[in-house]
N, C-alpha and C. Protein backbone atom coordinates (compact mmCIF):
# COMPACT_ATOMS: atom_id res chain seq x y z
N UNK A 1 67.42 -103.97 -1.67
CA UNK A 1 67.36 -104.74 -0.55
C UNK A 1 68.38 -104.22 0.54
N UNK A 2 69.60 -103.85 0.03
CA UNK A 2 70.68 -103.41 0.91
C UNK A 2 70.26 -102.04 1.57
N UNK A 3 69.50 -101.23 0.88
CA UNK A 3 69.03 -99.94 1.48
C UNK A 3 68.02 -100.30 2.54
N UNK A 4 67.12 -101.16 2.25
CA UNK A 4 65.99 -101.45 3.33
C UNK A 4 66.58 -102.05 4.62
N UNK A 5 67.54 -102.94 4.37
CA UNK A 5 68.27 -103.47 5.62
C UNK A 5 68.96 -102.38 6.42
N UNK A 6 69.58 -101.54 5.79
CA UNK A 6 70.27 -100.41 6.41
C UNK A 6 69.29 -99.54 7.22
N UNK A 7 68.15 -99.29 6.65
CA UNK A 7 67.22 -98.37 7.31
C UNK A 7 66.61 -99.13 8.53
N UNK A 8 66.38 -100.44 8.41
CA UNK A 8 65.85 -101.26 9.45
C UNK A 8 66.91 -101.32 10.60
N UNK A 9 68.08 -101.53 10.32
CA UNK A 9 69.15 -101.59 11.27
C UNK A 9 69.43 -100.22 12.04
N UNK A 10 69.34 -99.08 11.33
CA UNK A 10 69.65 -97.83 11.92
C UNK A 10 68.35 -96.98 12.22
N UNK A 11 67.25 -97.54 12.18
CA UNK A 11 65.92 -96.80 12.40
C UNK A 11 65.94 -95.93 13.68
N UNK A 12 66.53 -96.47 14.69
CA UNK A 12 66.41 -95.72 15.99
C UNK A 12 67.46 -94.54 16.11
N UNK A 13 68.38 -94.48 15.14
CA UNK A 13 69.54 -93.54 15.25
C UNK A 13 68.94 -92.09 14.97
N UNK A 14 69.25 -91.11 15.77
CA UNK A 14 68.73 -89.77 15.50
C UNK A 14 69.60 -89.20 14.34
N UNK A 15 68.78 -88.51 13.46
CA UNK A 15 69.33 -87.75 12.30
C UNK A 15 68.29 -86.77 11.84
N UNK A 16 68.93 -85.75 11.14
CA UNK A 16 67.99 -84.80 10.63
C UNK A 16 67.59 -85.03 9.24
N UNK A 17 66.72 -84.26 8.52
CA UNK A 17 66.30 -84.45 7.31
C UNK A 17 67.43 -84.41 6.22
N UNK A 18 68.37 -83.55 6.41
CA UNK A 18 69.47 -83.40 5.47
C UNK A 18 70.29 -84.70 5.50
N UNK A 19 70.61 -85.24 6.66
CA UNK A 19 71.36 -86.51 6.74
C UNK A 19 70.64 -87.57 6.14
N UNK A 20 69.32 -87.64 6.41
CA UNK A 20 68.55 -88.74 5.80
C UNK A 20 68.67 -88.68 4.20
N UNK A 21 68.46 -87.43 3.74
CA UNK A 21 68.58 -87.24 2.24
C UNK A 21 70.02 -87.65 1.74
N UNK A 22 71.03 -87.32 2.40
CA UNK A 22 72.28 -87.67 1.76
C UNK A 22 72.55 -89.23 1.99
N UNK A 23 72.15 -89.79 3.04
CA UNK A 23 72.30 -91.22 3.18
C UNK A 23 71.47 -92.05 2.12
N UNK A 24 70.40 -91.62 1.81
CA UNK A 24 69.57 -92.18 0.68
C UNK A 24 70.28 -92.11 -0.70
N UNK A 25 70.94 -90.89 -0.84
CA UNK A 25 71.73 -90.62 -2.07
C UNK A 25 72.96 -91.64 -2.18
N UNK A 26 73.56 -91.80 -0.98
CA UNK A 26 74.80 -92.62 -1.00
C UNK A 26 74.30 -94.11 -1.07
N UNK A 27 73.27 -94.52 -0.53
CA UNK A 27 72.77 -95.86 -0.65
C UNK A 27 72.23 -96.12 -2.06
N UNK A 28 71.86 -95.13 -2.76
CA UNK A 28 71.44 -95.27 -4.22
C UNK A 28 72.49 -95.47 -5.20
N UNK A 29 73.77 -95.35 -4.78
CA UNK A 29 74.90 -95.51 -5.64
C UNK A 29 75.66 -94.28 -5.94
N UNK A 30 75.72 -93.33 -5.12
CA UNK A 30 76.45 -92.11 -5.23
C UNK A 30 77.96 -92.46 -5.49
N UNK A 31 78.47 -91.79 -6.56
CA UNK A 31 79.83 -92.03 -6.92
C UNK A 31 80.69 -90.68 -6.88
N UNK A 32 81.94 -90.78 -6.43
CA UNK A 32 82.65 -89.50 -6.30
C UNK A 32 82.95 -89.16 -4.84
N UNK A 33 83.54 -87.98 -4.68
CA UNK A 33 83.97 -87.55 -3.43
C UNK A 33 82.90 -86.65 -2.72
N UNK A 34 82.55 -86.86 -1.56
CA UNK A 34 81.49 -86.08 -0.93
C UNK A 34 82.18 -84.95 -0.10
N UNK A 35 82.26 -83.89 -0.82
CA UNK A 35 82.86 -82.75 -0.13
C UNK A 35 81.84 -81.84 0.54
N UNK A 36 82.20 -80.88 1.49
CA UNK A 36 81.27 -80.07 2.05
C UNK A 36 80.48 -79.24 1.04
N UNK A 37 81.04 -78.93 -0.03
CA UNK A 37 80.30 -78.15 -1.14
C UNK A 37 79.23 -78.99 -1.71
N UNK A 38 79.62 -80.26 -2.02
CA UNK A 38 78.62 -81.20 -2.64
C UNK A 38 77.42 -81.55 -1.62
N UNK A 39 77.92 -81.66 -0.32
CA UNK A 39 76.87 -81.91 0.69
C UNK A 39 75.86 -80.83 0.68
N UNK A 40 76.25 -79.57 0.66
CA UNK A 40 75.37 -78.35 0.56
C UNK A 40 74.48 -78.46 -0.56
N UNK A 41 75.07 -78.83 -1.67
CA UNK A 41 74.33 -78.81 -2.98
C UNK A 41 73.19 -79.89 -2.87
N UNK A 42 73.64 -81.06 -2.38
CA UNK A 42 72.72 -82.30 -2.27
C UNK A 42 71.51 -81.97 -1.36
N UNK A 43 71.74 -81.27 -0.31
CA UNK A 43 70.72 -80.97 0.74
C UNK A 43 70.12 -79.67 0.61
N UNK A 44 70.41 -78.92 -0.42
CA UNK A 44 69.91 -77.52 -0.62
C UNK A 44 70.08 -76.76 0.58
N UNK A 45 71.32 -76.88 1.21
CA UNK A 45 71.56 -76.18 2.38
C UNK A 45 72.29 -74.84 1.95
N UNK A 46 72.08 -73.85 2.82
CA UNK A 46 72.70 -72.53 2.53
C UNK A 46 73.97 -72.48 3.29
N UNK A 47 74.34 -73.41 4.18
CA UNK A 47 75.59 -73.39 4.84
C UNK A 47 76.39 -74.76 4.47
N UNK A 48 77.58 -74.60 4.46
CA UNK A 48 78.49 -75.73 4.20
C UNK A 48 79.13 -76.19 5.43
N UNK A 49 78.90 -77.46 5.92
CA UNK A 49 79.36 -77.99 7.10
C UNK A 49 81.00 -78.09 7.09
N UNK A 50 81.57 -77.79 8.13
CA UNK A 50 82.99 -77.84 8.25
C UNK A 50 83.48 -79.28 8.33
N UNK A 51 82.67 -80.17 8.87
CA UNK A 51 83.03 -81.66 8.94
C UNK A 51 81.84 -82.42 8.93
N UNK A 52 81.66 -83.26 7.96
CA UNK A 52 80.59 -84.18 7.87
C UNK A 52 80.90 -85.60 8.46
N UNK A 53 80.24 -85.94 9.50
CA UNK A 53 80.37 -87.24 10.06
C UNK A 53 79.14 -88.10 10.01
N UNK A 54 79.32 -89.25 9.42
CA UNK A 54 78.20 -90.15 9.40
C UNK A 54 78.60 -91.39 10.16
N UNK A 55 77.91 -91.66 11.26
CA UNK A 55 78.25 -92.75 12.13
C UNK A 55 77.42 -93.92 11.78
N UNK A 56 78.07 -94.81 11.11
CA UNK A 56 77.33 -96.12 10.69
C UNK A 56 77.80 -97.31 11.37
């Protein structure tokens, strides 16, 4: 329910596919520290972002 409310509230916010994938992972109960290396692994990205900013 919390995940559905989040997506309804922020539906108009622009984001790319990788951001959506990580947000879904976080909303599903991700535990631990989200480092740039883990971000890259979660999104199957070949680059590691220097700074990850999620504006919620």
